[in-house]
C-alpha atoms as a PDB file:
ATOM      1  CA  UNK A   1       0.000   0.000   0.000  1.00  0.00           C
ATOM      2  CA  UNK A   2       1.301   3.444  -0.900  1.00  0.00           C
ATOM      3  CA  UNK A   3       1.342   6.260   1.624  1.00  0.00           C
ATOM      4  CA  UNK A   4      -1.505   8.561   0.618  1.00  0.00           C
ATOM      5  CA  UNK A   5      -3.900  10.489   2.860  1.00  0.00           C
ATOM      6  CA  UNK A   6      -5.657   9.284   4.870  1.00  0.00           C
ATOM      7  CA  UNK A   7      -3.638   6.319   6.068  1.00  0.00           C
ATOM      8  CA  UNK A   8      -1.601   5.192   9.054  1.00  0.00           C
ATOM      9  CA  UNK A   9       2.152   4.702   8.835  1.00  0.00           C
ATOM     10  CA  UNK A  10       4.301   2.807  11.331  1.00  0.00           C
ATOM     11  CA  UNK A  11       7.712   4.430  11.681  1.00  0.00           C
ATOM     12  CA  UNK A  12      10.993   3.925  13.464  1.00  0.00           C
ATOM     13  CA  UNK A  13      13.487   6.768  13.656  1.00  0.00           C
ATOM     14  CA  UNK A  14      16.540   8.329  15.144  1.00  0.00           C
ATOM     15  CA  UNK A  15      16.424  12.096  15.745  1.00  0.00           C
ATOM     16  CA  UNK A  16      19.682  14.004  16.146  1.00  0.00           C
ATOM     17  CA  UNK A  17      20.732  17.625  16.248  1.00  0.00           C
ATOM     18  CA  UNK A  18      23.005  19.005  13.520  1.00  0.00           C
ATOM     19  CA  UNK A  19      26.093  17.951  15.527  1.00  0.00           C
ATOM     20  CA  UNK A  20      24.935  14.324  15.691  1.00  0.00           C
ATOM     21  CA  UNK A  21      23.796  14.351  19.329  1.00  0.00           C
ATOM     22  CA  UNK A  22      20.942  11.896  19.860  1.00  0.00           C
ATOM     23  CA  UNK A  23      17.697  13.620  20.862  1.00  0.00           C
ATOM     24  CA  UNK A  24      15.120  10.859  20.444  1.00  0.00           C
ATOM     25  CA  UNK A  25      14.923   7.321  19.130  1.00  0.00           C
ATOM     26  CA  UNK A  26      11.958   5.111  18.244  1.00  0.00           C
ATOM     27  CA  UNK A  27      13.481   1.626  17.932  1.00  0.00           C
ATOM     28  CA  UNK A  28      10.028  -0.006  17.943  1.00  0.00           C
ATOM     29  CA  UNK A  29       7.475   1.055  15.311  1.00  0.00           C
ATOM     30  CA  UNK A  30       4.986   3.759  16.314  1.00  0.00           C
ATOM     31  CA  UNK A  31       1.850   4.555  14.318  1.00  0.00           C
ATOM     32  CA  UNK A  32       1.134   8.035  12.925  1.00  0.00           C
ATOM     33  CA  UNK A  33      -1.814   9.367  10.963  1.00  0.00           C
ATOM     34  CA  UNK A  34      -0.688  10.536   7.534  1.00  0.00           C
ATOM     35  CA  UNK A  35      -2.678  13.519   6.261  1.00  0.00           C
ATOM     36  CA  UNK A  36      -3.585  14.963   9.642  1.00  0.00           C
ATOM     37  CA  UNK A  37      -1.890  16.367  12.721  1.00  0.00           C
ATOM     38  CA  UNK A  38       0.559  13.647  13.713  1.00  0.00           C
ATOM     39  CA  UNK A  39       3.591  14.479  11.532  1.00  0.00           C
ATOM     40  CA  UNK A  40       5.606  17.509  10.522  1.00  0.00           C
ATOM     41  CA  UNK A  41       4.782  18.790   7.026  1.00  0.00           C
ATOM     42  CA  UNK A  42       8.315  18.026   5.756  1.00  0.00           C
ATOM     43  CA  UNK A  43       8.059  14.460   7.065  1.00  0.00           C
ATOM     44  CA  UNK A  44       4.723  13.971   5.298  1.00  0.00           C
ATOM     45  CA  UNK A  45       6.193  15.449   2.127  1.00  0.00           C
ATOM     46  CA  UNK A  46       9.064  12.928   2.223  1.00  0.00           C
ATOM     47  CA  UNK A  47       6.745   9.967   2.906  1.00  0.00           C
ATOM     48  CA  UNK A  48       4.105  10.753   0.256  1.00  0.00           C
ATOM     49  CA  UNK A  49       3.648   7.941  -2.281  1.00  0.00           C
ATOM     50  CA  UNK A  50       6.223   5.695  -0.562  1.00  0.00           C
ATOM     51  CA  UNK A  51       5.624   2.194   0.866  1.00  0.00           C
ATOM     52  CA  UNK A  52       6.725  -0.056   3.723  1.00  0.00           C
ATOM     53  CA  UNK A  53      10.502  -0.438   3.695  1.00  0.00           C
ATOM     54  CA  UNK A  54      11.162   3.128   2.561  1.00  0.00           C
ATOM     55  CA  UNK A  55      14.053   4.739   4.447  1.00  0.00           C
ATOM     56  CA  UNK A  56      15.290   8.303   4.253  1.00  0.00           C
ATOM     57  CA  UNK A  57      17.342  10.909   6.077  1.00  0.00           C
ATOM     58  CA  UNK A  58      15.772  14.345   6.449  1.00  0.00           C
ATOM     59  CA  UNK A  59      17.590  17.535   7.367  1.00  0.00           C
ATOM     60  CA  UNK A  60      15.093  19.888   8.990  1.00  0.00           C
ATOM     61  CA  UNK A  61      15.911  23.536   9.542  1.00  0.00           C
ATOM     62  CA  UNK A  62      14.077  25.187  12.451  1.00  0.00           C
ATOM     63  CA  UNK A  63      11.439  26.706  10.161  1.00  0.00           C
ATOM     64  CA  UNK A  64      10.506  23.178   8.998  1.00  0.00           C
ATOM     65  CA  UNK A  65      10.540  21.669  12.468  1.00  0.00           C
ATOM     66  CA  UNK A  66       9.814  23.573  15.677  1.00  0.00           C
ATOM     67  CA  UNK A  67      10.393  27.179  14.656  1.00  0.00           C
ATOM     68  CA  UNK A  68      12.996  29.720  15.632  1.00  0.00           C
ATOM     69  CA  UNK A  69      13.709  30.396  19.287  1.00  0.00           C
ATOM     70  CA  UNK A  70      11.653  33.386  20.473  1.00  0.00           C
ATOM     71  CA  UNK A  71      13.110  35.184  23.521  1.00  0.00           C
ATOM     72  CA  UNK A  72       9.738  36.931  23.962  1.00  0.00           C
ATOM     73  CA  UNK A  73       8.386  33.582  25.204  1.00  0.00           C
ATOM     74  CA  UNK A  74      10.637  33.595  28.292  1.00  0.00           C
ATOM     75  CA  UNK A  75       8.848  34.802  31.416  1.00  0.00           C
ATOM     76  CA  UNK A  76       9.798  35.533  35.026  1.00  0.00           C
ATOM     77  CA  UNK A  77       7.150  34.708  37.612  1.00  0.00           C
ATOM     78  CA  UNK A  78       7.123  35.087  41.374  1.00  0.00           C
ATOM     79  CA  UNK A  79       8.395  31.988  43.191  1.00  0.00           C
ATOM     80  CA  UNK A  80       5.267  32.116  45.401  1.00  0.00           C
ATOM     81  CA  UNK A  81       3.088  31.147  42.393  1.00  0.00           C
ATOM     82  CA  UNK A  82       4.631  27.676  42.265  1.00  0.00           C
ATOM     83  CA  UNK A  83       4.533  24.639  44.539  1.00  0.00           C
ATOM     84  CA  UNK A  84       7.437  24.198  46.950  1.00  0.00           C
ATOM     85  CA  UNK A  85       8.698  21.244  44.901  1.00  0.00           C
ATOM     86  CA  UNK A  86       9.088  23.229  41.641  1.00  0.00           C
ATOM     87  CA  UNK A  87      12.285  22.256  39.842  1.00  0.00           C
ATOM     88  CA  UNK A  88      14.093  22.763  36.555  1.00  0.00           C
ATOM     89  CA  UNK A  89      12.543  20.658  33.800  1.00  0.00           C
ATOM     90  CA  UNK A  90       8.985  20.711  35.151  1.00  0.00           C
ATOM     91  CA  UNK A  91       6.379  21.663  32.575  1.00  0.00           C
ATOM     92  CA  UNK A  92       3.058  23.464  32.803  1.00  0.00           C
ATOM     93  CA  UNK A  93       0.411  23.048  30.121  1.00  0.00           C
ATOM     94  CA  UNK A  94      -0.812  26.618  29.758  1.00  0.00           C
ATOM     95  CA  UNK A  95      -0.261  29.600  32.010  1.00  0.00           C
ATOM     96  CA  UNK A  96       0.389  28.448  35.590  1.00  0.00           C
ATOM     97  CA  UNK A  97      -2.398  29.467  37.996  1.00  0.00           C
ATOM     98  CA  UNK A  98      -1.543  32.773  39.625  1.00  0.00           C
ATOM     99  CA  UNK A  99       0.958  33.852  36.945  1.00  0.00           C
ATOM    100  CA  UNK A 100       0.876  37.627  36.635  1.00  0.00           C
ATOM    101  CA  UNK A 101       2.810  38.425  33.450  1.00  0.00           C
ATOM    102  CA  UNK A 102       0.453  39.900  30.837  1.00  0.00           C
ATOM    103  CA  UNK A 103       0.554  38.412  27.370  1.00  0.00           C
ATOM    104  CA  UNK A 104       1.609  34.879  28.278  1.00  0.00           C
ATOM    105  CA  UNK A 105       0.132  32.645  25.547  1.00  0.00           C
ATOM    106  CA  UNK A 106      -2.456  30.373  27.132  1.00  0.00           C
ATOM    107  CA  UNK A 107      -1.829  27.518  24.702  1.00  0.00           C
ATOM    108  CA  UNK A 108       1.919  27.124  25.336  1.00  0.00           C
ATOM    109  CA  UNK A 109       3.644  24.433  27.344  1.00  0.00           C
ATOM    110  CA  UNK A 110       5.994  26.221  29.739  1.00  0.00           C
ATOM    111  CA  UNK A 111       9.217  24.585  30.880  1.00  0.00           C
ATOM    112  CA  UNK A 112      10.880  25.672  34.121  1.00  0.00           C
ATOM    113  CA  UNK A 113      14.454  26.548  33.128  1.00  0.00           C
ATOM    114  CA  UNK A 114      15.668  28.194  36.354  1.00  0.00           C
ATOM    115  CA  UNK A 115      14.480  28.429  39.964  1.00  0.00           C
ATOM    116  CA  UNK A 116      15.586  31.264  42.246  1.00  0.00           C
ATOM    117  CA  UNK A 117      14.473  32.193  45.775  1.00  0.00           C
ATOM    118  CA  UNK A 118      12.330  35.071  44.453  1.00  0.00           C
ATOM    119  CA  UNK A 119      11.322  33.974  40.965  1.00  0.00           C
ATOM    120  CA  UNK A 120      11.040  31.142  38.461  1.00  0.00           C
ATOM    121  CA  UNK A 121      12.003  31.357  34.776  1.00  0.00           C
ATOM    122  CA  UNK A 122       9.473  29.831  32.369  1.00  0.00           C
ATOM    123  CA  UNK A 123      10.234  29.161  28.706  1.00  0.00           C
ATOM    124  CA  UNK A 124       7.260  28.841  26.344  1.00  0.00           C
ATOM    125  CA  UNK A 125       9.415  27.821  23.385  1.00  0.00           C
ATOM    126  CA  UNK A 126       9.413  24.229  22.239  1.00  0.00           C
ATOM    127  CA  UNK A 127      12.562  22.547  23.617  1.00  0.00           C
ATOM    128  CA  UNK A 128      13.766  21.987  20.029  1.00  0.00           C
ATOM    129  CA  UNK A 129      13.008  25.527  18.802  1.00  0.00           C
ATOM    130  CA  UNK A 130      15.923  27.044  16.921  1.00  0.00           C
ATOM    131  CA  UNK A 131      17.647  23.696  16.352  1.00  0.00           C
ATOM    132  CA  UNK A 132      18.406  22.134  12.969  1.00  0.00           C
ATOM    133  CA  UNK A 133      17.586  18.422  13.065  1.00  0.00           C
ATOM    134  CA  UNK A 134      18.531  15.211  11.286  1.00  0.00           C
ATOM    135  CA  UNK A 135      15.810  12.564  11.163  1.00  0.00           C
ATOM    136  CA  UNK A 136      16.699   9.045  10.000  1.00  0.00           C
ATOM    137  CA  UNK A 137      13.389   7.260   9.496  1.00  0.00           C
ATOM    138  CA  UNK A 138      12.106   3.941   8.176  1.00  0.00           C
ATOM    139  CA  UNK A 139       8.536   3.084   7.180  1.00  0.00           C
ATOM    140  CA  UNK A 140       7.751  -0.256   8.803  1.00  0.00           C
ATOM    141  CA  UNK A 141       4.100  -0.593   7.747  1.00  0.00           C
ATOM    142  CA  UNK A 142       1.259   1.259   6.030  1.00  0.00           C
ATOM    143  CA  UNK A 143      -2.432   0.574   6.604  1.00  0.00           C
ATOM    144  CA  UNK A 144      -5.788   2.143   5.887  1.00  0.00           C
ATOM    145  CA  UNK A 145      -6.988   4.564   8.563  1.00  0.00           C
ATOM    146  CA  UNK A 146     -10.115   3.692  10.518  1.00  0.00           C
ATOM    147  CA  UNK A 147     -13.155   5.982  10.417  1.00  0.00           C
ATOM    148  CA  UNK A 148     -12.365   7.173  13.957  1.00  0.00           C
ATOM    149  CA  UNK A 149      -8.769   7.998  12.994  1.00  0.00           C
ATOM    150  CA  UNK A 150      -9.934   9.912   9.922  1.00  0.00           C
ATOM    151  CA  UNK A 151     -12.448  11.877  12.026  1.00  0.00           C
ATOM    152  CA  UNK A 152      -9.778  12.710  14.634  1.00  0.00           C
ATOM    153  CA  UNK A 153      -7.059  13.266  11.988  1.00  0.00           C
ATOM    154  CA  UNK A 154      -4.817  11.406  14.423  1.00  0.00           C
ATOM    155  CA  UNK A 155      -3.977   7.930  15.678  1.00  0.00           C
ATOM    156  CA  UNK A 156      -4.153   9.132  19.260  1.00  0.00           C
ATOM    157  CA  UNK A 157      -1.780  11.290  21.260  1.00  0.00           C
ATOM    158  CA  UNK A 158       0.590  12.418  18.512  1.00  0.00           C
ATOM    159  CA  UNK A 159       4.292  12.924  18.942  1.00  0.00           C
ATOM    160  CA  UNK A 160       3.904  16.180  16.986  1.00  0.00           C
ATOM    161  CA  UNK A 161       1.126  18.579  17.992  1.00  0.00           C
ATOM    162  CA  UNK A 162       0.024  22.133  17.334  1.00  0.00           C
ATOM    163  CA  UNK A 163       2.165  24.913  18.785  1.00  0.00           C
ATOM    164  CA  UNK A 164       1.392  28.585  18.469  1.00  0.00           C
ATOM    165  CA  UNK A 165       4.997  29.736  17.920  1.00  0.00           C
ATOM    166  CA  UNK A 166       6.256  27.346  15.267  1.00  0.00           C
ATOM    167  CA  UNK A 167       5.765  28.525  11.692  1.00  0.00           C
ATOM    168  CA  UNK A 168       5.409  24.885  10.697  1.00  0.00           C
ATOM    169  CA  UNK A 169       2.570  24.615  13.205  1.00  0.00           C
ATOM    170  CA  UNK A 170       3.991  21.735  15.210  1.00  0.00           C
ATOM    171  CA  UNK A 171       5.493  20.781  18.508  1.00  0.00           C
ATOM    172  CA  UNK A 172       7.264  17.639  19.656  1.00  0.00           C
ATOM    173  CA  UNK A 173       5.876  16.168  22.868  1.00  0.00           C
END
């Protein structure tokens, strides 16, 4: 079966930064909806009209992956807004309750990057924003999408989801 929308592709991959540092690896096949919200546009473009067994290496510049890094999405919030156990690496889906900075996008996922006695630094950029990527991927299987998958335009919780800051319209979870 050829990869044409709507269908479901099973992929394995290795994701590295431009210097070859491993970021993510899917050694076991994971299903993605092709023609919906599960994959980056450049990945879909590379997979179109291919079949199981197809392998490729993609070089993705930030504008084709997770966008450029935007320093305007870094916010400083009072330490008192957060639980005592707040630590670097924690994430908040949306603006943390009690946050007082005007203009914080409500649909961002904020990562705690620094914790100080008086404030916490939150970064609303995707962790891979501003990074050129190398994606080695292999198509393991292709199947017809179910009616529920077509209606949802997804196989489930996608690895790539909508992000307000990325020009490509995606975010890696």
